[in-house]
Amino acid sequence: MSGVLRGAADPARPGGPARLIVGNTNNEHLVSDLEAFPPGRRAVAGNLSARLLWMLRPGDVLVLPQAQDERFVRYVLGELGVDRDSVTLLVPPPGVVGHDLLTGDRLSGEAFRRTVREAVAASGAELLIPYVFDPSIAALADHLGMEKAPEGAAFLEAGGADLLNSKAVFRAVAAGIGVPLAEGVATRERARAREFAGRLLARGDAVILKQDFHIGGFGNEILAPGPCVRQIGASALTVLADDASVGRYFEDDWDRWTNGGRHPAVLEHYLPDSVAVGAEIAVTSGDVRVLNAGEMRMAPAFDGIVAPGTPGTEAARATFNEAALALSRAVRAIGYRGLINIDGVVAPDGRTLLTEFNGRLGGSTHLHCLAEHLLGPDYAAHRVLITRNTWRVPSLDEALRRTRSAGIAFDHADGTGVLLICDHTRQFGTVEYCVAARDLETAMGIEKTLAALFADRS
């Protein structure tokens, strides 16, 4: 069997051959210590791969870590106009950390590989699109006999994906080409980290401390000189009011932040009340281009997007996009091809700063795919999308019923309304939604209607 292995530069592109899509979200190559990941959070993190259902086209094969409610699968495919019998969903047996995440060991079992091989042969799939290209994906491709695409394969097979999901590497590359960064350090040295944090805290500034590999802000913590600091982009906040408390903190917790010295920790000047922004960029041998961009909603960690964003940040977002494109050109120069997601902030003083990159599919890839499919390739010119990742509901069925009865479910003829994007009811009692509207005011109005449907659960 022949085929192509590549990070898809634009997975929403219509037509083309069938694909094998692998939802290896938040596995051991994206999260430093899976055992330390809280079990409930780990279950949701793995289930984020269900977003990839919105990428499906007839003939595709999708590998997921967790079985999905068939009602949700049929809802997604019905919205896309894809026949359920034309796609194949596969879930491998549990691995060393159970069934939540698609870790590499789950893809290596001979029986499961045989199942994948048979599904790929039956569908005629030619492209392999993983969430992140890691060694288990390279091994799976070799087992299936899929050829390596000449564009970018050598970089990925040599471990390039690890580089482009490292916060420390991001700081080095971004600093090297001169794009704007927050004051900070990336270090394995406890003394250097303590000195940096102590210096900023002593002058009344806060610090954000980041594990090198983690997702969605859950490996981040804010160190603040006092309690009145708004917590954005981090799952925890610790007040360190004096030098002695700073010393104790780094004495007690440093091994956790560096994973026993295996990875550097990243410390940066934290700018309260900043607006988080992001862009997803396609990197090819010919160019780099923004696929989608907007503001990220933080509550306090990543909880959705507003695309293209609010009017007040329009100029700053344009500056951010230019810096993100410059960084993407540097990444292209070292051999990467595929999608890269770049994050940043618009500070209260108007400065635009970049904060990290991730060379993989991301938190808006599925939105780009569904929007192109349902609204057209120019959707950003005539639609606003707002999403929320944690809408608490009693059940998927009830959420669907109430959005329809309220008259706000997605209308294909009009191209507006609510889509339920990911079903976490089994794991967390929530669903993700996307509102499509012609303008931000209308989108926010629909969202208020949504919030009122289950106000007792908010």
Protein backbone atom coordinates (compact mmCIF):
# COMPACT_ATOMS: atom_id res chain seq x y z
CA MET A 1 0.00 0.00 0.00
CA SER A 2 1.34 3.39 -0.89
CA GLY A 3 0.40 6.70 0.57
CA VAL A 4 1.56 9.99 1.97
CA LEU A 5 2.45 10.93 5.51
CA ARG A 6 2.36 14.60 6.31
CA GLY A 7 1.12 17.28 8.64
CA ALA A 8 -1.72 18.64 6.54
CA ALA A 9 -1.08 22.26 5.65
CA ASP A 10 -4.81 22.85 5.43
CA PRO A 11 -6.92 19.87 6.56
CA ALA A 12 -10.12 21.68 5.56
CA ARG A 13 -9.16 21.59 1.90
CA PRO A 14 -12.08 19.96 0.03
CA GLY A 15 -11.77 16.88 -2.12
CA GLY A 16 -8.67 14.75 -2.36
CA PRO A 17 -8.10 11.18 -1.24
CA ALA A 18 -9.46 9.60 1.92
CA ARG A 19 -7.38 10.06 5.07
CA LEU A 20 -6.34 8.23 8.20
CA ILE A 21 -6.72 10.81 11.00
CA VAL A 22 -5.19 10.01 14.39
CA GLY A 23 -6.43 11.89 17.45
CA ASN A 24 -3.31 11.63 19.62
CA THR A 25 -4.13 14.79 21.57
CA ASN A 26 -2.35 15.54 24.84
CA ASN A 27 -0.30 12.36 24.92
CA GLU A 28 3.12 11.75 26.46
CA HIS A 29 4.80 14.03 23.90
CA LEU A 30 2.61 17.02 24.76
CA VAL A 31 2.26 16.60 28.54
CA SER A 32 5.39 16.18 30.62
CA ASP A 33 3.95 13.88 33.28
CA LEU A 34 0.71 12.10 32.45
CA GLU A 35 0.57 10.44 35.87
CA ALA A 36 0.46 13.88 37.51
CA PHE A 37 -2.35 15.02 35.22
CA PRO A 38 -5.55 14.95 37.38
CA PRO A 39 -7.69 11.99 36.21
CA GLY A 40 -10.79 14.07 35.48
CA ARG A 41 -8.79 16.60 33.52
CA ARG A 42 -6.97 13.80 31.70
CA ALA A 43 -10.29 12.29 30.61
CA VAL A 44 -11.43 15.59 29.10
CA ALA A 45 -8.01 16.27 27.55
CA GLY A 46 -8.15 12.96 25.71
CA ASN A 47 -11.75 13.47 24.67
CA LEU A 48 -10.78 16.73 22.94
CA SER A 49 -9.84 14.47 20.03
CA ALA A 50 -13.58 14.10 19.35
CA ARG A 51 -13.35 17.58 17.83
CA LEU A 52 -11.66 15.89 14.88
CA LEU A 53 -15.03 14.41 13.88
CA TRP A 54 -15.64 17.81 12.27
CA MET A 55 -12.74 17.15 9.87
CA LEU A 56 -14.27 13.98 8.43
CA ARG A 57 -15.01 13.44 4.76
CA PRO A 58 -16.41 10.32 3.09
CA GLY A 59 -13.88 7.47 3.19
CA ASP A 60 -11.93 8.79 6.18
CA VAL A 61 -10.75 6.60 9.05
CA LEU A 62 -10.49 8.28 12.47
CA VAL A 63 -8.62 6.80 15.43
CA LEU A 64 -9.80 8.14 18.80
CA PRO A 65 -8.70 7.37 22.36
CA GLN A 66 -12.25 7.11 23.69
CA ALA A 67 -15.46 5.67 22.25
CA GLN A 68 -18.00 8.34 21.35
CA ASP A 69 -21.73 8.41 21.94
CA GLU A 70 -23.16 7.34 18.59
CA ARG A 71 -25.80 10.07 18.88
CA PHE A 72 -23.06 12.71 18.91
CA VAL A 73 -21.26 11.08 15.97
CA ARG A 74 -24.43 11.08 13.91
CA TYR A 75 -25.20 14.67 14.90
CA VAL A 76 -21.79 15.88 13.67
CA LEU A 77 -21.89 13.89 10.45
CA GLY A 78 -25.47 15.00 9.82
CA GLU A 79 -24.44 18.66 10.11
CA LEU A 80 -21.56 17.99 7.71
CA GLY A 81 -23.72 16.02 5.29
CA VAL A 82 -21.47 12.96 5.56
CA ASP A 83 -23.01 9.47 5.49
CA ARG A 84 -22.24 7.59 8.72
CA ASP A 85 -21.51 4.42 6.78
CA SER A 86 -18.86 6.21 4.70
CA VAL A 87 -16.45 6.78 7.63
CA THR A 88 -14.76 4.44 10.11
CA LEU A 89 -14.07 5.17 13.78
CA LEU A 90 -11.53 3.06 15.67
CA VAL A 91 -10.57 2.96 19.36
CA PRO A 92 -7.55 0.88 20.46
CA PRO A 93 -7.37 -1.13 23.70
CA PRO A 94 -6.30 0.75 26.86
CA GLY A 95 -2.61 1.53 27.41
CA VAL A 96 -0.26 2.18 30.31
CA VAL A 97 -2.32 5.16 31.52
CA GLY A 98 -5.68 3.64 30.68
CA HIS A 99 -8.15 4.60 27.98
CA ASP A 100 -8.27 8.41 28.33
CA LEU A 101 -5.37 9.38 26.06
CA LEU A 102 -4.04 7.99 22.80
CA THR A 103 -0.54 7.19 24.05
CA GLY A 104 2.00 5.58 21.77
CA ASP A 105 1.68 2.10 23.27
CA ARG A 106 -1.98 1.98 22.27
CA LEU A 107 -1.04 2.38 18.60
CA SER A 108 1.63 -0.34 18.65
CA GLY A 109 -0.43 -3.45 19.43
CA GLU A 110 -0.35 -5.94 16.59
CA ALA A 111 -4.08 -6.70 16.70
CA PHE A 112 -5.00 -3.02 16.56
CA ARG A 113 -2.51 -2.31 13.80
CA ARG A 114 -4.07 -5.11 11.80
CA THR A 115 -7.47 -3.49 12.31
CA VAL A 116 -6.12 -0.13 11.11
CA ARG A 117 -4.45 -1.73 8.12
CA GLU A 118 -7.70 -3.42 7.09
CA ALA A 119 -9.70 -0.20 7.53
CA VAL A 120 -7.22 1.83 5.51
CA ALA A 121 -7.17 -0.76 2.74
CA ALA A 122 -10.98 -0.84 2.61
CA SER A 123 -11.28 2.95 2.49
CA GLY A 124 -8.39 3.59 0.14
CA ALA A 125 -6.99 6.19 2.54
CA GLU A 126 -3.75 7.73 1.27
CA LEU A 127 -3.01 10.53 3.71
CA LEU A 128 -2.11 10.14 7.38
CA ILE A 129 -2.99 13.20 9.45
CA PRO A 130 -2.05 12.95 13.14
CA TYR A 131 -2.87 15.56 15.74
CA VAL A 132 0.85 15.64 16.50
CA PHE A 133 3.64 13.84 14.65
CA ASP A 134 5.53 11.78 17.23
CA PRO A 135 7.54 8.51 17.13
CA SER A 136 4.42 6.36 17.45
CA ILE A 137 2.99 8.00 14.32
CA ALA A 138 6.22 7.39 12.39
CA ALA A 139 6.16 3.74 13.50
CA LEU A 140 2.50 3.37 12.50
CA ALA A 141 3.22 4.81 9.06
CA ASP A 142 6.10 2.39 8.58
CA HIS A 143 3.89 -0.52 9.63
CA LEU A 144 1.19 0.53 7.17
CA GLY A 145 3.72 0.95 4.38
CA MET A 146 2.88 4.58 3.88
CA GLU A 147 5.53 6.63 2.11
CA LYS A 148 6.95 9.68 3.78
CA ALA A 149 6.05 12.87 1.98
CA PRO A 150 9.16 14.76 0.88
CA GLU A 151 7.79 18.00 2.34
CA GLY A 152 8.78 18.22 5.99
CA ALA A 153 8.94 14.50 6.80
CA ALA A 154 12.66 14.47 7.60
CA PHE A 155 12.32 17.27 10.14
CA LEU A 156 9.40 15.56 11.89
CA GLU A 157 11.02 12.12 11.92
CA ALA A 158 14.12 13.65 13.53
CA GLY A 159 12.04 14.89 16.48
CA GLY A 160 11.03 18.28 15.14
CA ALA A 161 7.56 18.09 16.64
CA ASP A 162 9.08 17.99 20.13
CA LEU A 163 11.01 21.17 19.37
CA LEU A 164 7.93 22.98 18.13
CA ASN A 165 5.85 22.11 21.18
CA SER A 166 8.48 23.31 23.65
CA LYS A 167 7.97 26.65 25.39
CA ALA A 168 11.71 26.97 25.98
CA VAL A 169 12.52 26.42 22.29
CA PHE A 170 9.84 28.95 21.39
CA ARG A 171 11.56 31.62 23.49
CA ALA A 172 14.93 30.89 21.87
CA VAL A 173 13.63 31.02 18.29
CA ALA A 174 11.40 34.05 18.88
CA ALA A 175 14.19 35.95 20.63
CA GLY A 176 16.60 35.05 17.85
CA ILE A 177 14.49 36.66 15.14
CA GLY A 178 13.46 39.60 17.29
CA VAL A 179 9.71 39.17 17.66
CA PRO A 180 8.33 40.79 20.84
CA LEU A 181 8.40 38.65 23.99
CA ALA A 182 7.64 39.19 27.64
CA GLU A 183 10.68 39.55 29.90
CA GLY A 184 11.58 36.02 30.96
CA VAL A 185 13.95 33.06 31.25
CA ALA A 186 13.92 29.36 30.38
CA THR A 187 16.09 27.40 32.80
CA ARG A 188 16.70 24.15 34.64
CA GLU A 189 18.59 26.06 37.35
CA ARG A 190 16.61 26.61 40.54
CA ALA A 191 18.79 29.55 41.60
CA ARG A 192 18.28 31.40 38.31
CA ALA A 193 14.53 30.86 38.44
CA ARG A 194 14.36 31.97 42.06
CA GLU A 195 16.39 35.11 41.31
CA PHE A 196 14.18 36.07 38.35
CA ALA A 197 10.93 35.48 40.22
CA GLY A 198 12.19 37.19 43.38
CA ARG A 199 13.34 40.27 41.46
CA LEU A 200 9.99 40.77 39.70
CA LEU A 201 7.90 40.04 42.77
CA ALA A 202 10.00 42.49 44.83
CA ARG A 203 9.19 45.28 42.38
CA GLY A 204 5.47 44.45 42.62
CA ASP A 205 5.12 42.48 39.39
CA ALA A 206 3.65 38.99 38.93
CA VAL A 207 5.36 36.03 37.25
CA ILE A 208 3.84 33.23 35.19
CA LEU A 209 5.66 29.92 35.66
CA LYS A 210 5.21 27.31 32.91
CA GLN A 211 6.07 23.66 32.51
CA ASP A 212 7.87 23.21 29.20
CA PHE A 213 5.33 20.67 27.93
CA HIS A 214 1.68 20.97 28.93
CA ILE A 215 -1.61 22.09 27.42
CA GLY A 216 -4.31 24.71 27.73
CA GLY A 217 -2.72 26.62 30.62
CA PHE A 218 -2.95 23.65 32.98
CA GLY A 219 0.83 23.46 33.38
CA ASN A 220 1.01 27.16 34.26
CA GLU A 221 0.91 28.95 37.61
CA ILE A 222 0.91 32.64 38.46
CA LEU A 223 3.19 33.82 41.27
CA ALA A 224 1.84 37.09 42.60
CA PRO A 225 3.03 39.60 45.23
CA GLY A 226 -0.54 39.91 46.52
CA PRO A 227 -4.02 38.43 46.11
CA CYS A 228 -5.51 41.08 43.82
CA VAL A 229 -4.16 39.68 40.54
CA ARG A 230 -6.55 38.45 37.88
CA GLN A 231 -5.76 34.86 36.95
CA ILE A 232 -5.64 34.33 33.18
CA GLY A 233 -3.88 31.56 31.24
CA ALA A 234 -2.98 29.50 34.30
CA SER A 235 -4.78 26.91 36.40
CA ALA A 236 -3.38 28.15 39.73
CA LEU A 237 -2.23 31.32 41.50
CA THR A 238 0.13 31.45 44.49
CA VAL A 239 0.81 34.57 46.55
CA LEU A 240 4.48 34.98 47.51
CA ALA A 241 4.53 38.10 49.65
CA ASP A 242 8.18 38.14 50.74
CA ASP A 243 11.60 36.78 49.88
CA ALA A 244 11.35 33.93 52.38
CA SER A 245 8.16 32.61 50.78
CA VAL A 246 9.80 32.81 47.34
CA GLY A 247 12.70 30.74 48.63
CA ARG A 248 10.43 28.11 50.16
CA TYR A 249 8.35 27.86 47.00
CA PHE A 250 11.32 27.10 44.75
CA GLU A 251 12.84 24.76 47.31
CA ASP A 252 9.67 22.71 47.55
CA ASP A 253 8.32 22.73 43.98
CA TRP A 254 11.22 23.03 41.56
CA ASP A 255 11.38 19.33 40.66
CA ARG A 256 7.73 19.42 39.64
CA TRP A 257 8.27 22.35 37.27
CA THR A 258 11.32 20.76 35.63
CA ASN A 259 10.03 17.18 35.77
CA GLY A 260 12.97 16.15 37.89
CA GLY A 261 15.40 18.24 35.86
CA ARG A 262 14.46 16.71 32.50
CA HIS A 263 13.04 19.92 31.03
CA PRO A 264 13.59 23.63 31.61
CA ALA A 265 10.87 25.67 33.26
CA VAL A 266 9.82 28.96 31.68
CA LEU A 267 9.26 32.08 33.79
CA GLU A 268 7.88 35.28 32.32
CA HIS A 269 6.65 38.66 33.48
CA TYR A 270 2.90 38.20 33.87
CA LEU A 271 0.81 41.11 32.62
CA PRO A 272 -2.60 41.13 34.33
CA ASP A 273 -5.67 42.13 32.33
CA SER A 274 -4.03 41.31 28.99
CA VAL A 275 -6.15 39.95 26.12
CA ALA A 276 -5.03 36.53 24.88
CA VAL A 277 -4.80 36.19 21.09
CA GLY A 278 -3.89 33.36 18.77
CA ALA A 279 -3.45 32.42 15.14
CA GLU A 280 -3.29 29.14 13.26
CA ILE A 281 -0.88 29.24 10.35
CA ALA A 282 -0.28 26.85 7.48
CA VAL A 283 3.43 26.39 6.74
CA THR A 284 4.28 25.01 3.29
CA SER A 285 7.39 24.99 1.13
CA GLY A 286 5.95 27.91 -0.83
CA ASP A 287 4.63 30.25 1.84
CA VAL A 288 3.07 30.77 5.25
CA ARG A 289 -0.49 32.01 5.62
CA VAL A 290 -2.93 32.64 8.43
CA LEU A 291 -5.83 30.18 8.35
CA ASN A 292 -7.71 31.64 11.31
CA ALA A 293 -7.04 34.12 14.10
CA GLY A 294 -8.82 35.77 16.99
CA GLU A 295 -9.02 36.23 20.73
CA MET A 296 -8.82 33.38 23.22
CA ARG A 297 -11.28 33.28 26.07
CA MET A 298 -9.65 32.47 29.40
CA ALA A 299 -11.64 31.28 32.41
CA PRO A 300 -8.91 31.17 33.74
CA ALA A 301 -7.38 28.69 31.25
CA PHE A 302 -8.32 28.40 27.57
CA ASP A 303 -12.12 28.17 27.27
CA GLY A 304 -12.94 29.18 23.70
CA ILE A 305 -12.34 31.80 21.04
CA VAL A 306 -13.79 34.93 19.51
CA ALA A 307 -12.91 35.10 15.82
CA PRO A 308 -11.93 37.41 14.33
CA GLY A 309 -12.04 39.17 17.72
CA THR A 310 -13.46 42.30 19.32
CA PRO A 311 -13.10 45.67 17.55
CA GLY A 312 -10.95 47.09 20.35
CA THR A 313 -8.04 44.78 19.60
CA GLU A 314 -8.17 44.92 15.79
CA ALA A 315 -4.94 46.91 15.31
CA ALA A 316 -3.07 44.91 17.94
CA ARG A 317 -4.24 41.64 16.36
CA ALA A 318 -2.89 42.77 13.00
CA THR A 319 0.48 43.44 14.65
CA PHE A 320 0.33 40.04 16.32
CA ASN A 321 -0.46 38.29 13.02
CA GLU A 322 2.57 39.89 11.37
CA ALA A 323 4.83 38.73 14.20
CA ALA A 324 3.29 35.25 14.04
CA LEU A 325 3.95 35.08 10.30
CA ALA A 326 7.56 36.14 10.85
CA LEU A 327 7.99 33.37 13.41
CA SER A 328 6.36 30.89 11.03
CA ARG A 329 8.85 31.81 8.32
CA ALA A 330 11.68 31.00 10.73
CA VAL A 331 10.06 27.66 11.51
CA ARG A 332 9.71 26.96 7.79
CA ALA A 333 13.42 27.75 7.32
CA ILE A 334 14.42 24.96 9.73
CA GLY A 335 12.31 22.41 7.87
CA TYR A 336 8.83 22.32 9.40
CA ARG A 337 5.79 21.87 7.19
CA GLY A 338 2.23 21.71 8.50
CA LEU A 339 0.06 23.66 10.91
CA ILE A 340 1.49 25.80 13.67
CA ASN A 341 -0.54 27.52 16.37
CA ILE A 342 0.96 30.68 17.85
CA ASP A 343 -0.31 32.41 21.00
CA GLY A 344 0.24 35.88 22.35
CA VAL A 345 -1.21 38.67 24.46
CA VAL A 346 -2.22 42.28 23.96
CA ALA A 347 -1.01 43.99 27.13
CA PRO A 348 -2.99 46.77 28.84
CA ASP A 349 -0.41 49.29 27.59
CA GLY A 350 -1.06 48.21 23.98
CA ARG A 351 2.06 46.10 23.48
CA THR A 352 1.63 42.86 21.53
CA LEU A 353 3.76 39.97 22.80
CA LEU A 354 4.11 36.37 21.60
CA THR A 355 3.94 33.67 24.27
CA GLU A 356 4.28 30.20 22.68
CA PHE A 357 3.95 28.04 19.58
CA ASN A 358 2.70 24.51 18.93
CA GLY A 359 3.61 22.66 15.75
CA ARG A 360 0.53 20.45 15.41
CA LEU A 361 -3.21 20.64 14.98
CA GLY A 362 -4.71 22.95 17.56
CA GLY A 363 -7.71 24.28 19.41
CA SER A 364 -9.16 25.97 16.34
CA THR A 365 -8.32 23.47 13.58
CA HIS A 366 -11.72 21.79 13.80
CA LEU A 367 -13.45 25.18 13.77
CA HIS A 368 -11.62 26.15 10.60
CA CYS A 369 -12.63 22.84 9.00
CA LEU A 370 -16.31 23.08 9.90
CA ALA A 371 -16.49 26.78 8.97
CA GLU A 372 -14.97 26.21 5.55
CA HIS A 373 -17.31 23.28 4.99
CA LEU A 374 -20.50 24.99 6.19
CA LEU A 375 -19.82 28.67 5.47
CA GLY A 376 -17.29 28.69 2.63
CA PRO A 377 -13.55 29.39 2.37
CA ASP A 378 -14.10 33.12 2.91
CA TYR A 379 -16.07 32.62 6.14
CA ALA A 380 -13.89 35.05 8.10
CA ALA A 381 -15.03 37.90 5.86
CA HIS A 382 -18.73 37.53 6.66
CA ARG A 383 -19.13 35.55 9.88
CA VAL A 384 -18.12 35.88 13.52
CA LEU A 385 -17.48 32.67 15.46
CA ILE A 386 -17.53 32.49 19.24
CA THR A 387 -17.03 29.29 21.16
CA ARG A 388 -17.14 28.05 24.72
CA ASN A 389 -15.46 24.83 25.84
CA THR A 390 -17.38 24.30 29.09
CA TRP A 391 -21.15 24.71 28.76
CA ARG A 392 -22.65 22.70 31.63
CA VAL A 393 -25.72 20.72 30.51
CA PRO A 394 -27.76 17.78 31.86
CA SER A 395 -27.22 15.71 28.70
CA LEU A 396 -26.30 15.99 25.05
CA ASP A 397 -29.88 15.20 24.01
CA GLU A 398 -31.30 17.92 26.25
CA ALA A 399 -28.77 20.47 24.99
CA LEU A 400 -29.74 19.70 21.40
CA ARG A 401 -33.45 19.77 22.21
CA ARG A 402 -33.33 23.12 23.97
CA THR A 403 -31.19 24.88 21.35
CA ARG A 404 -33.62 23.71 18.69
CA SER A 405 -36.72 24.69 20.65
CA ALA A 406 -35.17 28.12 21.35
CA GLY A 407 -34.73 28.63 17.61
CA ILE A 408 -30.96 29.10 17.82
CA ALA A 409 -29.71 25.78 16.41
CA PHE A 410 -27.51 26.14 13.32
CA ASP A 411 -29.51 26.99 10.20
CA HIS A 412 -27.77 25.72 7.08
CA ALA A 413 -29.73 27.99 4.77
CA ASP A 414 -28.84 31.09 6.76
CA GLY A 415 -25.37 30.01 7.91
CA THR A 416 -25.98 31.14 11.49
CA GLY A 417 -26.77 29.57 14.85
CA VAL A 418 -25.36 27.12 17.39
CA LEU A 419 -23.39 23.94 16.77
CA LEU A 420 -22.41 21.57 19.58
CA ILE A 421 -18.77 20.90 18.90
CA CYS A 422 -17.60 18.32 21.44
CA ASP A 423 -19.48 16.13 23.89
CA HIS A 424 -17.88 15.92 27.36
CA THR A 425 -21.08 15.01 29.20
CA ARG A 426 -19.77 11.59 30.20
CA GLN A 427 -16.43 12.95 31.43
CA PHE A 428 -17.34 16.36 32.86
CA GLY A 429 -21.03 17.13 32.37
CA THR A 430 -20.29 19.72 29.68
CA VAL A 431 -20.36 20.27 25.94
CA GLU A 432 -18.47 22.69 23.71
CA TYR A 433 -20.43 24.99 21.43
CA CYS A 434 -19.80 27.32 18.52
CA VAL A 435 -22.04 30.27 17.65
CA ALA A 436 -21.91 31.57 14.07
CA ALA A 437 -23.39 34.99 13.37
CA ARG A 438 -23.01 37.90 10.99
CA ASP A 439 -21.71 40.24 13.67
CA LEU A 440 -20.34 40.10 17.18
CA GLU A 441 -23.38 41.72 18.82
CA THR A 442 -25.70 39.08 17.39
CA ALA A 443 -23.32 36.28 18.34
CA MET A 444 -23.15 37.53 21.93
CA GLY A 445 -26.94 37.75 22.05
CA ILE A 446 -27.26 34.12 20.97
CA GLU A 447 -24.73 33.18 23.62
CA LYS A 448 -26.82 34.90 26.30
CA THR A 449 -29.80 32.84 25.19
CA LEU A 450 -27.67 29.71 25.50
CA ALA A 451 -26.55 30.63 29.00
CA ALA A 452 -30.18 31.06 30.09
CA LEU A 453 -31.21 27.59 28.90
CA PHE A 454 -29.49 25.89 31.85
CA ALA A 455 -28.87 28.85 34.14
CA ASP A 456 -29.19 26.65 37.22
CA ARG A 457 -26.07 24.70 36.13
CA SER A 458 -23.70 27.58 35.43
